[in-house]
Amino acid sequence: MDRALLTTGRVIAVAVMAVSVLALFAWVQHIAAPPFGDIAWYAHALPALLGNEPLYDPATLGPHPMVAPEYWNQAPSLAPFTLTLVVSPWIWIVACLGSMVAGFILVWPRVGTAATLTAVALLLLWEPIRAALWSANVNAMVFGLLAVTLRFPRVAGWSLGLAAALKLVPILGVAWLIGKRDWRGAAIAVGVLAAFTLAVVVVEGPAVLSDFVVQRLNEFDPHASGQISLHAFGLPTWVGYAAAAVLSVLAVRFASFSLAVMAMLVSVPFPHNHYWTWLLVPALGIWVPWLMDRVRLPSVLTPDRSTAS
């Protein structure tokens, strides 16, 4: 019975994988956005770092829409990483792809071959993953760093600090470290973010910090209705910030990595779909194993006996 179930499961998994590959091929044929298109966006930091131009365009410090901006609107701490584009854009591309693959390897639950193939096929069809990989968005790197943070507590401060330097809001993960009484890790995370920010302040001057805040406060996304966020549902921006504060407090109280990641996500007023890849880190690394420990699963979903040691 179990052998027949395993065989059926593997046949279904292969079929799902085949359909997934065909669907991805069709998607690539019809998508309008060029591959690795976000690299051009990140390259807007280079004239400021390598020349005399300001990092934040003065024209963007007033109210303006965020529509494929031809300007830099990221946190100052991300700017130093864009210097890799001067050497080769492929460094950035490989970092995105490698971070995503490594992240999945680190948090993937122990399930059978059929379940793994089926899940991989379905995840490849999930828009946030496709968007992160296709556009070479920095959120792919953040995904990998969050996976390292969860799996390797001894370097959690360093990986979380790098994630925060790349995308700022992962600094809310410090709430989880504080909840665990990992004061050293929390200090390292804050210190890494501060170091990258200070490096840009030294080059651009202290005004770069206020320019970033002013620009972000004056920025609005005309396509917010197509996103998933509290702000997209019509609530004021401050509601998202308040929800992030509450979740951060709860993350400290319960030493919860999951609540810390949720705080990161709700704090973003205009989260593009690739932000939601972050949620897969606690989902695959914590929630699925927790469920597997408490629910009797069919043998097709459990690790193959033939490969178990």
C-alpha atoms as a PDB file:
ATOM      1  CA  MET A   1       0.000   0.000   0.000  1.00  0.00           C
ATOM      2  CA  ASP A   2       2.763   2.434   1.009  1.00  0.00           C
ATOM      3  CA  ARG A   3       4.836   1.508  -2.064  1.00  0.00           C
ATOM      4  CA  ALA A   4       1.871   2.131  -4.373  1.00  0.00           C
ATOM      5  CA  LEU A   5       1.190   5.438  -2.654  1.00  0.00           C
ATOM      6  CA  LEU A   6       4.813   6.498  -3.022  1.00  0.00           C
ATOM      7  CA  THR A   7       4.813   5.584  -6.727  1.00  0.00           C
ATOM      8  CA  THR A   8       1.583   7.501  -7.311  1.00  0.00           C
ATOM      9  CA  GLY A   9       2.965  10.478  -5.416  1.00  0.00           C
ATOM     10  CA  ARG A  10       6.115  10.565  -7.528  1.00  0.00           C
ATOM     11  CA  VAL A  11       4.129  10.337 -10.762  1.00  0.00           C
ATOM     12  CA  ILE A  12       1.969  13.261  -9.623  1.00  0.00           C
ATOM     13  CA  ALA A  13       5.082  15.209  -8.612  1.00  0.00           C
ATOM     14  CA  VAL A  14       6.708  14.726 -12.013  1.00  0.00           C
ATOM     15  CA  ALA A  15       3.481  15.772 -13.745  1.00  0.00           C
ATOM     16  CA  VAL A  16       3.207  18.907 -11.582  1.00  0.00           C
ATOM     17  CA  MET A  17       6.850  19.731 -12.290  1.00  0.00           C
ATOM     18  CA  ALA A  18       6.303  19.328 -16.041  1.00  0.00           C
ATOM     19  CA  VAL A  19       3.253  21.611 -15.957  1.00  0.00           C
ATOM     20  CA  SER A  20       5.224  24.119 -13.877  1.00  0.00           C
ATOM     21  CA  VAL A  21       8.087  24.204 -16.381  1.00  0.00           C
ATOM     22  CA  LEU A  22       5.675  24.689 -19.290  1.00  0.00           C
ATOM     23  CA  ALA A  23       3.865  27.453 -17.388  1.00  0.00           C
ATOM     24  CA  LEU A  24       7.150  29.191 -16.623  1.00  0.00           C
ATOM     25  CA  PHE A  25       8.163  28.980 -20.283  1.00  0.00           C
ATOM     26  CA  ALA A  26       4.863  30.558 -21.318  1.00  0.00           C
ATOM     27  CA  TRP A  27       5.259  33.255 -18.648  1.00  0.00           C
ATOM     28  CA  VAL A  28       8.763  34.142 -19.865  1.00  0.00           C
ATOM     29  CA  GLN A  29       7.494  34.409 -23.422  1.00  0.00           C
ATOM     30  CA  HIS A  30       4.834  36.943 -22.477  1.00  0.00           C
ATOM     31  CA  ILE A  31       6.366  38.993 -19.642  1.00  0.00           C
ATOM     32  CA  ALA A  32       7.073  42.581 -20.646  1.00  0.00           C
ATOM     33  CA  ALA A  33       9.734  43.343 -18.023  1.00  0.00           C
ATOM     34  CA  PRO A  34      13.310  42.609 -19.135  1.00  0.00           C
ATOM     35  CA  PRO A  35      15.294  40.010 -17.161  1.00  0.00           C
ATOM     36  CA  PHE A  36      17.274  41.384 -14.206  1.00  0.00           C
ATOM     37  CA  GLY A  37      15.627  44.753 -14.784  1.00  0.00           C
ATOM     38  CA  ASP A  38      15.955  46.033 -11.212  1.00  0.00           C
ATOM     39  CA  ILE A  39      19.723  46.278 -11.647  1.00  0.00           C
ATOM     40  CA  ALA A  40      19.211  49.467 -13.670  1.00  0.00           C
ATOM     41  CA  TRP A  41      17.276  50.855 -10.705  1.00  0.00           C
ATOM     42  CA  TYR A  42      20.050  50.094  -8.232  1.00  0.00           C
ATOM     43  CA  ALA A  43      22.663  51.563 -10.578  1.00  0.00           C
ATOM     44  CA  HIS A  44      21.209  55.028  -9.920  1.00  0.00           C
ATOM     45  CA  ALA A  45      23.389  55.157  -6.791  1.00  0.00           C
ATOM     46  CA  LEU A  46      26.616  55.021  -8.794  1.00  0.00           C
ATOM     47  CA  PRO A  47      26.720  58.650 -10.036  1.00  0.00           C
ATOM     48  CA  ALA A  48      26.576  59.797  -6.419  1.00  0.00           C
ATOM     49  CA  LEU A  49      29.171  57.328  -5.128  1.00  0.00           C
ATOM     50  CA  LEU A  50      31.573  57.792  -8.040  1.00  0.00           C
ATOM     51  CA  GLY A  51      30.875  61.439  -8.905  1.00  0.00           C
ATOM     52  CA  ASN A  52      29.533  64.638  -7.406  1.00  0.00           C
ATOM     53  CA  GLU A  53      25.795  64.116  -7.819  1.00  0.00           C
ATOM     54  CA  PRO A  54      23.512  63.867  -4.756  1.00  0.00           C
ATOM     55  CA  LEU A  55      22.282  60.394  -3.852  1.00  0.00           C
ATOM     56  CA  TYR A  56      18.691  61.627  -3.640  1.00  0.00           C
ATOM     57  CA  ASP A  57      17.527  63.788  -6.529  1.00  0.00           C
ATOM     58  CA  PRO A  58      16.212  67.133  -5.138  1.00  0.00           C
ATOM     59  CA  ALA A  59      13.296  66.855  -7.587  1.00  0.00           C
ATOM     60  CA  THR A  60      12.065  63.777  -5.677  1.00  0.00           C
ATOM     61  CA  LEU A  61      11.952  65.447  -2.264  1.00  0.00           C
ATOM     62  CA  GLY A  62       8.431  66.729  -2.923  1.00  0.00           C
ATOM     63  CA  PRO A  63       5.261  64.661  -3.471  1.00  0.00           C
ATOM     64  CA  HIS A  64       5.799  62.301  -6.399  1.00  0.00           C
ATOM     65  CA  PRO A  65       4.639  58.916  -7.704  1.00  0.00           C
ATOM     66  CA  MET A  66       6.834  55.832  -7.509  1.00  0.00           C
ATOM     67  CA  VAL A  67       6.519  54.387 -11.009  1.00  0.00           C
ATOM     68  CA  ALA A  68       9.649  52.526 -12.134  1.00  0.00           C
ATOM     69  CA  PRO A  69      11.599  55.475 -10.714  1.00  0.00           C
ATOM     70  CA  GLU A  70      14.540  56.784 -12.659  1.00  0.00           C
ATOM     71  CA  TYR A  71      16.141  57.804  -9.393  1.00  0.00           C
ATOM     72  CA  TRP A  72      17.558  56.306  -6.198  1.00  0.00           C
ATOM     73  CA  ASN A  73      14.910  55.736  -3.510  1.00  0.00           C
ATOM     74  CA  GLN A  74      16.512  53.004  -1.423  1.00  0.00           C
ATOM     75  CA  ALA A  75      18.071  53.327   2.035  1.00  0.00           C
ATOM     76  CA  PRO A  76      21.562  54.879   2.112  1.00  0.00           C
ATOM     77  CA  SER A  77      22.998  51.651   3.526  1.00  0.00           C
ATOM     78  CA  LEU A  78      22.252  49.761   0.291  1.00  0.00           C
ATOM     79  CA  ALA A  79      24.295  52.129  -1.875  1.00  0.00           C
ATOM     80  CA  PRO A  80      27.759  50.625  -1.138  1.00  0.00           C
ATOM     81  CA  PHE A  81      26.612  47.214  -2.369  1.00  0.00           C
ATOM     82  CA  THR A  82      25.856  48.673  -5.798  1.00  0.00           C
ATOM     83  CA  LEU A  83      29.580  49.193  -6.351  1.00  0.00           C
ATOM     84  CA  THR A  84      29.671  45.515  -7.346  1.00  0.00           C
ATOM     85  CA  LEU A  85      27.832  46.582 -10.509  1.00  0.00           C
ATOM     86  CA  VAL A  86      30.940  48.488 -11.578  1.00  0.00           C
ATOM     87  CA  VAL A  87      32.900  45.217 -11.623  1.00  0.00           C
ATOM     88  CA  SER A  88      30.135  43.144 -13.233  1.00  0.00           C
ATOM     89  CA  PRO A  89      26.329  43.023 -12.988  1.00  0.00           C
ATOM     90  CA  TRP A  90      26.687  39.249 -12.848  1.00  0.00           C
ATOM     91  CA  ILE A  91      28.008  39.512  -9.303  1.00  0.00           C
ATOM     92  CA  TRP A  92      24.629  40.942  -8.290  1.00  0.00           C
ATOM     93  CA  ILE A  93      22.682  38.426 -10.375  1.00  0.00           C
ATOM     94  CA  VAL A  94      24.555  35.423  -8.990  1.00  0.00           C
ATOM     95  CA  ALA A  95      24.171  36.774  -5.448  1.00  0.00           C
ATOM     96  CA  CYS A  96      20.391  36.991  -5.918  1.00  0.00           C
ATOM     97  CA  LEU A  97      20.024  33.543  -7.472  1.00  0.00           C
ATOM     98  CA  GLY A  98      22.472  31.919  -5.047  1.00  0.00           C
ATOM     99  CA  SER A  99      20.838  33.511  -2.004  1.00  0.00           C
ATOM    100  CA  MET A 100      17.430  32.241  -3.024  1.00  0.00           C
ATOM    101  CA  VAL A 101      18.645  28.694  -3.671  1.00  0.00           C
ATOM    102  CA  ALA A 102      20.763  28.599  -0.496  1.00  0.00           C
ATOM    103  CA  GLY A 103      17.893  29.989   1.547  1.00  0.00           C
ATOM    104  CA  PHE A 104      15.554  27.224   0.406  1.00  0.00           C
ATOM    105  CA  ILE A 105      18.171  24.570   1.144  1.00  0.00           C
ATOM    106  CA  LEU A 106      18.615  25.922   4.671  1.00  0.00           C
ATOM    107  CA  VAL A 107      14.923  26.065   5.624  1.00  0.00           C
ATOM    108  CA  TRP A 108      13.517  23.185   3.555  1.00  0.00           C
ATOM    109  CA  PRO A 109      11.653  20.718   5.808  1.00  0.00           C
ATOM    110  CA  ARG A 110      12.446  16.991   5.789  1.00  0.00           C
ATOM    111  CA  VAL A 111       9.816  15.641   3.415  1.00  0.00           C
ATOM    112  CA  GLY A 112       9.794  12.939   0.794  1.00  0.00           C
ATOM    113  CA  THR A 113      11.032  13.234  -2.776  1.00  0.00           C
ATOM    114  CA  ALA A 114       7.534  13.486  -4.226  1.00  0.00           C
ATOM    115  CA  ALA A 115       6.512  16.200  -1.786  1.00  0.00           C
ATOM    116  CA  THR A 116       9.731  18.115  -2.470  1.00  0.00           C
ATOM    117  CA  LEU A 117       9.320  18.008  -6.258  1.00  0.00           C
ATOM    118  CA  THR A 118       5.679  19.058  -6.014  1.00  0.00           C
ATOM    119  CA  ALA A 119       6.420  21.910  -3.612  1.00  0.00           C
ATOM    120  CA  VAL A 120       9.327  23.189  -5.726  1.00  0.00           C
ATOM    121  CA  ALA A 121       7.124  23.149  -8.828  1.00  0.00           C
ATOM    122  CA  LEU A 122       4.355  25.078  -7.072  1.00  0.00           C
ATOM    123  CA  LEU A 123       6.767  27.590  -5.568  1.00  0.00           C
ATOM    124  CA  LEU A 124       8.226  28.302  -9.008  1.00  0.00           C
ATOM    125  CA  LEU A 125       4.732  29.306 -10.073  1.00  0.00           C
ATOM    126  CA  TRP A 126       4.321  31.668  -7.109  1.00  0.00           C
ATOM    127  CA  GLU A 127       4.599  35.235  -8.363  1.00  0.00           C
ATOM    128  CA  PRO A 128       6.801  36.629  -5.514  1.00  0.00           C
ATOM    129  CA  ILE A 129       9.553  34.080  -6.237  1.00  0.00           C
ATOM    130  CA  ARG A 130       9.369  34.562  -9.985  1.00  0.00           C
ATOM    131  CA  ALA A 131       9.463  38.340  -9.562  1.00  0.00           C
ATOM    132  CA  ALA A 132      12.453  38.268  -7.211  1.00  0.00           C
ATOM    133  CA  LEU A 133      14.502  35.998  -9.481  1.00  0.00           C
ATOM    134  CA  TRP A 134      13.465  37.504 -12.810  1.00  0.00           C
ATOM    135  CA  SER A 135      14.183  41.083 -11.735  1.00  0.00           C
ATOM    136  CA  ALA A 136      17.302  40.285  -9.636  1.00  0.00           C
ATOM    137  CA  ASN A 137      15.686  42.146  -6.775  1.00  0.00           C
ATOM    138  CA  VAL A 138      17.617  42.639  -3.566  1.00  0.00           C
ATOM    139  CA  ASN A 139      14.821  40.907  -1.633  1.00  0.00           C
ATOM    140  CA  ALA A 140      16.183  37.607  -2.961  1.00  0.00           C
ATOM    141  CA  MET A 141      19.407  38.289  -1.038  1.00  0.00           C
ATOM    142  CA  VAL A 142      17.427  39.284   2.056  1.00  0.00           C
ATOM    143  CA  PHE A 143      15.555  35.966   1.843  1.00  0.00           C
ATOM    144  CA  GLY A 144      18.835  34.044   1.961  1.00  0.00           C
ATOM    145  CA  LEU A 145      20.192  36.140   4.828  1.00  0.00           C
ATOM    146  CA  LEU A 146      17.014  35.621   6.871  1.00  0.00           C
ATOM    147  CA  ALA A 147      17.384  31.871   6.340  1.00  0.00           C
ATOM    148  CA  VAL A 148      20.972  32.081   7.642  1.00  0.00           C
ATOM    149  CA  THR A 149      19.696  34.116  10.603  1.00  0.00           C
ATOM    150  CA  LEU A 150      17.194  31.403  11.526  1.00  0.00           C
ATOM    151  CA  ARG A 151      19.488  28.429  11.013  1.00  0.00           C
ATOM    152  CA  PHE A 152      22.787  29.735  12.440  1.00  0.00           C
ATOM    153  CA  PRO A 153      22.189  31.589  15.736  1.00  0.00           C
ATOM    154  CA  ARG A 154      25.907  32.270  16.251  1.00  0.00           C
ATOM    155  CA  VAL A 155      26.051  34.505  13.165  1.00  0.00           C
ATOM    156  CA  ALA A 156      22.460  35.765  13.354  1.00  0.00           C
ATOM    157  CA  GLY A 157      23.588  39.283  14.262  1.00  0.00           C
ATOM    158  CA  TRP A 158      25.854  39.524  11.223  1.00  0.00           C
ATOM    159  CA  SER A 159      23.357  38.087   8.719  1.00  0.00           C
ATOM    160  CA  LEU A 160      20.478  40.142  10.108  1.00  0.00           C
ATOM    161  CA  GLY A 161      22.628  43.283  10.029  1.00  0.00           C
ATOM    162  CA  LEU A 162      23.498  42.667   6.372  1.00  0.00           C
ATOM    163  CA  ALA A 163      19.839  42.058   5.562  1.00  0.00           C
ATOM    164  CA  ALA A 164      18.976  45.369   7.251  1.00  0.00           C
ATOM    165  CA  ALA A 165      21.730  47.151   5.330  1.00  0.00           C
ATOM    166  CA  LEU A 166      20.208  45.826   2.104  1.00  0.00           C
ATOM    167  CA  LYS A 167      16.552  46.586   2.855  1.00  0.00           C
ATOM    168  CA  LEU A 168      16.409  48.442   6.217  1.00  0.00           C
ATOM    169  CA  VAL A 169      13.209  46.915   7.691  1.00  0.00           C
ATOM    170  CA  PRO A 170      14.868  43.554   8.581  1.00  0.00           C
ATOM    171  CA  ILE A 171      16.405  45.469  11.498  1.00  0.00           C
ATOM    172  CA  LEU A 172      13.093  44.716  13.239  1.00  0.00           C
ATOM    173  CA  GLY A 173      14.458  41.187  13.578  1.00  0.00           C
ATOM    174  CA  VAL A 174      16.512  42.559  16.449  1.00  0.00           C
ATOM    175  CA  ALA A 175      13.308  42.170  18.476  1.00  0.00           C
ATOM    176  CA  TRP A 176      13.690  38.385  18.165  1.00  0.00           C
ATOM    177  CA  LEU A 177      17.335  38.550  19.251  1.00  0.00           C
ATOM    178  CA  ILE A 178      16.426  40.698  22.255  1.00  0.00           C
ATOM    179  CA  GLY A 179      13.669  38.236  23.147  1.00  0.00           C
ATOM    180  CA  LYS A 180      16.281  35.458  23.166  1.00  0.00           C
ATOM    181  CA  ARG A 181      18.545  37.667  25.318  1.00  0.00           C
ATOM    182  CA  ASP A 182      21.102  37.581  22.521  1.00  0.00           C
ATOM    183  CA  TRP A 183      22.439  41.029  23.325  1.00  0.00           C
ATOM    184  CA  ARG A 184      25.641  40.477  21.362  1.00  0.00           C
ATOM    185  CA  GLY A 185      23.748  39.497  18.217  1.00  0.00           C
ATOM    186  CA  ALA A 186      21.405  42.474  18.562  1.00  0.00           C
ATOM    187  CA  ALA A 187      24.334  44.858  18.964  1.00  0.00           C
ATOM    188  CA  ILE A 188      26.119  43.375  15.936  1.00  0.00           C
ATOM    189  CA  ALA A 189      22.991  43.703  13.763  1.00  0.00           C
ATOM    190  CA  VAL A 190      22.549  47.359  14.676  1.00  0.00           C
ATOM    191  CA  GLY A 191      26.283  47.960  14.292  1.00  0.00           C
ATOM    192  CA  VAL A 192      26.429  46.471  10.770  1.00  0.00           C
ATOM    193  CA  LEU A 193      23.520  48.629   9.597  1.00  0.00           C
ATOM    194  CA  ALA A 194      25.072  51.693  11.240  1.00  0.00           C
ATOM    195  CA  ALA A 195      28.474  51.016   9.636  1.00  0.00           C
ATOM    196  CA  PHE A 196      27.099  50.873   6.076  1.00  0.00           C
ATOM    197  CA  THR A 197      24.950  53.941   6.716  1.00  0.00           C
ATOM    198  CA  LEU A 198      27.891  55.854   8.190  1.00  0.00           C
ATOM    199  CA  ALA A 199      30.042  55.009   5.168  1.00  0.00           C
ATOM    200  CA  VAL A 200      27.506  56.739   2.907  1.00  0.00           C
ATOM    201  CA  VAL A 201      27.166  59.691   5.296  1.00  0.00           C
ATOM    202  CA  VAL A 202      30.935  60.200   5.137  1.00  0.00           C
ATOM    203  CA  VAL A 203      30.812  60.294   1.325  1.00  0.00           C
ATOM    204  CA  GLU A 204      27.560  62.215   0.845  1.00  0.00           C
ATOM    205  CA  GLY A 205      27.269  64.257   4.036  1.00  0.00           C
ATOM    206  CA  PRO A 206      24.759  64.077   6.939  1.00  0.00           C
ATOM    207  CA  ALA A 207      21.958  65.572   4.807  1.00  0.00           C
ATOM    208  CA  VAL A 208      21.645  62.229   3.006  1.00  0.00           C
ATOM    209  CA  LEU A 209      19.719  60.841   5.999  1.00  0.00           C
ATOM    210  CA  SER A 210      17.114  63.586   6.081  1.00  0.00           C
ATOM    211  CA  ASP A 211      16.820  63.462   2.286  1.00  0.00           C
ATOM    212  CA  PHE A 212      15.992  59.758   2.466  1.00  0.00           C
ATOM    213  CA  VAL A 213      13.289  60.313   5.091  1.00  0.00           C
ATOM    214  CA  VAL A 214      11.778  63.307   3.255  1.00  0.00           C
ATOM    215  CA  GLN A 215      11.759  61.459  -0.063  1.00  0.00           C
ATOM    216  CA  ARG A 216      10.063  58.413   1.388  1.00  0.00           C
ATOM    217  CA  LEU A 217       7.419  60.488   3.182  1.00  0.00           C
ATOM    218  CA  ASN A 218       6.572  62.239  -0.091  1.00  0.00           C
ATOM    219  CA  GLU A 219       6.509  59.105  -2.223  1.00  0.00           C
ATOM    220  CA  PHE A 220       3.290  57.348  -3.169  1.00  0.00           C
ATOM    221  CA  ASP A 221       2.615  54.312  -5.320  1.00  0.00           C
ATOM    222  CA  PRO A 222      -0.271  54.701  -7.794  1.00  0.00           C
ATOM    223  CA  HIS A 223      -0.408  50.900  -8.119  1.00  0.00           C
ATOM    224  CA  ALA A 224      -0.777  50.292  -4.356  1.00  0.00           C
ATOM    225  CA  SER A 225      -4.264  48.848  -4.869  1.00  0.00           C
ATOM    226  CA  GLY A 226      -2.679  45.826  -6.554  1.00  0.00           C
ATOM    227  CA  GLN A 227      -0.427  45.114  -3.570  1.00  0.00           C
ATOM    228  CA  ILE A 228      -1.039  43.334  -0.284  1.00  0.00           C
ATOM    229  CA  SER A 229      -0.530  45.685   2.644  1.00  0.00           C
ATOM    230  CA  LEU A 230      -2.514  47.542   5.280  1.00  0.00           C
ATOM    231  CA  HIS A 231      -1.986  50.765   3.337  1.00  0.00           C
ATOM    232  CA  ALA A 232      -3.223  49.152   0.116  1.00  0.00           C
ATOM    233  CA  PHE A 233      -6.457  48.279   1.927  1.00  0.00           C
ATOM    234  CA  GLY A 234      -7.070  51.963   2.525  1.00  0.00           C
ATOM    235  CA  LEU A 235      -5.595  52.346   6.003  1.00  0.00           C
ATOM    236  CA  PRO A 236      -3.224  55.223   6.788  1.00  0.00           C
ATOM    237  CA  THR A 237       0.502  54.521   6.637  1.00  0.00           C
ATOM    238  CA  TRP A 238       0.851  54.958  10.388  1.00  0.00           C
ATOM    239  CA  VAL A 239      -1.394  51.921  10.983  1.00  0.00           C
ATOM    240  CA  GLY A 240       1.242  49.707   9.374  1.00  0.00           C
ATOM    241  CA  TYR A 241       3.946  51.278  11.499  1.00  0.00           C
ATOM    242  CA  ALA A 242       1.834  50.803  14.633  1.00  0.00           C
ATOM    243  CA  ALA A 243       1.145  47.165  13.727  1.00  0.00           C
ATOM    244  CA  ALA A 244       4.880  46.615  13.178  1.00  0.00           C
ATOM    245  CA  ALA A 245       5.594  48.105  16.615  1.00  0.00           C
ATOM    246  CA  VAL A 246       3.041  45.807  18.271  1.00  0.00           C
ATOM    247  CA  LEU A 247       4.385  42.733  16.474  1.00  0.00           C
ATOM    248  CA  SER A 248       7.942  43.705  17.429  1.00  0.00           C
ATOM    249  CA  VAL A 249       6.963  43.936  21.094  1.00  0.00           C
ATOM    250  CA  LEU A 250       5.317  40.515  20.842  1.00  0.00           C
ATOM    251  CA  ALA A 251       8.437  39.163  19.102  1.00  0.00           C
ATOM    252  CA  VAL A 252      10.456  40.285  22.128  1.00  0.00           C
ATOM    253  CA  ARG A 253       7.922  38.861  24.576  1.00  0.00           C
ATOM    254  CA  PHE A 254       7.777  35.424  22.927  1.00  0.00           C
ATOM    255  CA  ALA A 255      11.261  35.417  21.338  1.00  0.00           C
ATOM    256  CA  SER A 256       9.465  34.760  18.055  1.00  0.00           C
ATOM    257  CA  PHE A 257      11.265  34.862  14.722  1.00  0.00           C
ATOM    258  CA  SER A 258       7.927  34.508  12.905  1.00  0.00           C
ATOM    259  CA  LEU A 259       6.447  37.604  14.562  1.00  0.00           C
ATOM    260  CA  ALA A 260       9.607  39.567  13.777  1.00  0.00           C
ATOM    261  CA  VAL A 261       9.313  38.708  10.062  1.00  0.00           C
ATOM    262  CA  MET A 262       5.640  39.695  10.115  1.00  0.00           C
ATOM    263  CA  ALA A 263       6.621  43.017  11.683  1.00  0.00           C
ATOM    264  CA  MET A 264       9.059  43.606   8.823  1.00  0.00           C
ATOM    265  CA  LEU A 265       6.358  43.000   6.223  1.00  0.00           C
ATOM    266  CA  VAL A 266       3.559  45.106   7.720  1.00  0.00           C
ATOM    267  CA  SER A 267       5.946  48.028   8.211  1.00  0.00           C
ATOM    268  CA  VAL A 268       6.327  48.444   4.427  1.00  0.00           C
ATOM    269  CA  PRO A 269       3.611  50.742   3.018  1.00  0.00           C
ATOM    270  CA  PHE A 270       4.129  49.630  -0.605  1.00  0.00           C
ATOM    271  CA  PRO A 271       5.438  46.041  -0.521  1.00  0.00           C
ATOM    272  CA  HIS A 272       6.031  44.736  -4.021  1.00  0.00           C
ATOM    273  CA  ASN A 273       5.204  41.060  -4.322  1.00  0.00           C
ATOM    274  CA  HIS A 274       8.790  39.824  -3.925  1.00  0.00           C
ATOM    275  CA  TYR A 275       8.770  41.010  -0.298  1.00  0.00           C
ATOM    276  CA  TRP A 276       6.513  38.079   0.521  1.00  0.00           C
ATOM    277  CA  THR A 277       9.300  35.597  -0.162  1.00  0.00           C
ATOM    278  CA  TRP A 278      10.563  36.505   3.316  1.00  0.00           C
ATOM    279  CA  LEU A 279       7.527  34.823   4.858  1.00  0.00           C
ATOM    280  CA  LEU A 280       8.681  31.486   3.443  1.00  0.00           C
ATOM    281  CA  VAL A 281      11.604  31.445   5.895  1.00  0.00           C
ATOM    282  CA  PRO A 282       9.439  30.938   9.022  1.00  0.00           C
ATOM    283  CA  ALA A 283       6.797  29.053   7.014  1.00  0.00           C
ATOM    284  CA  LEU A 284       9.197  26.352   5.775  1.00  0.00           C
ATOM    285  CA  GLY A 285      11.684  26.516   8.619  1.00  0.00           C
ATOM    286  CA  ILE A 286       9.257  26.645  11.566  1.00  0.00           C
ATOM    287  CA  TRP A 287       5.579  26.204  10.721  1.00  0.00           C
ATOM    288  CA  VAL A 288       5.792  23.152   8.423  1.00  0.00           C
ATOM    289  CA  PRO A 289       8.080  21.160  10.790  1.00  0.00           C
ATOM    290  CA  TRP A 290       5.792  22.109  13.705  1.00  0.00           C
ATOM    291  CA  LEU A 291       2.791  20.804  11.762  1.00  0.00           C
ATOM    292  CA  MET A 292       4.600  17.622  10.755  1.00  0.00           C
ATOM    293  CA  ASP A 293       5.421  16.889  14.393  1.00  0.00           C
ATOM    294  CA  ARG A 294       1.764  17.102  15.378  1.00  0.00           C
ATOM    295  CA  VAL A 295      -0.125  15.655  12.425  1.00  0.00           C
ATOM    296  CA  ARG A 296       0.213  12.110  11.105  1.00  0.00           C
ATOM    297  CA  LEU A 297       1.084  12.628   7.440  1.00  0.00           C
ATOM    298  CA  PRO A 298       0.769  10.126   4.563  1.00  0.00           C
ATOM    299  CA  SER A 299       4.005   8.305   3.783  1.00  0.00           C
ATOM    300  CA  VAL A 300       4.254  10.118   0.460  1.00  0.00           C
ATOM    301  CA  LEU A 301       4.936  13.341   2.384  1.00  0.00           C
ATOM    302  CA  THR A 302       7.559  11.936   4.729  1.00  0.00           C
ATOM    303  CA  PRO A 303      11.253  11.269   4.018  1.00  0.00           C
ATOM    304  CA  ASP A 304      11.846   8.160   1.926  1.00  0.00           C
ATOM    305  CA  ARG A 305      12.800   5.183   4.065  1.00  0.00           C
ATOM    306  CA  SER A 306      15.281   4.018   1.481  1.00  0.00           C
ATOM    307  CA  THR A 307      17.322   7.196   1.904  1.00  0.00           C
ATOM    308  CA  ALA A 308      16.981   7.525   5.667  1.00  0.00           C
ATOM    309  CA  SER A 309      20.102   6.701   7.672  1.00  0.00           C
END
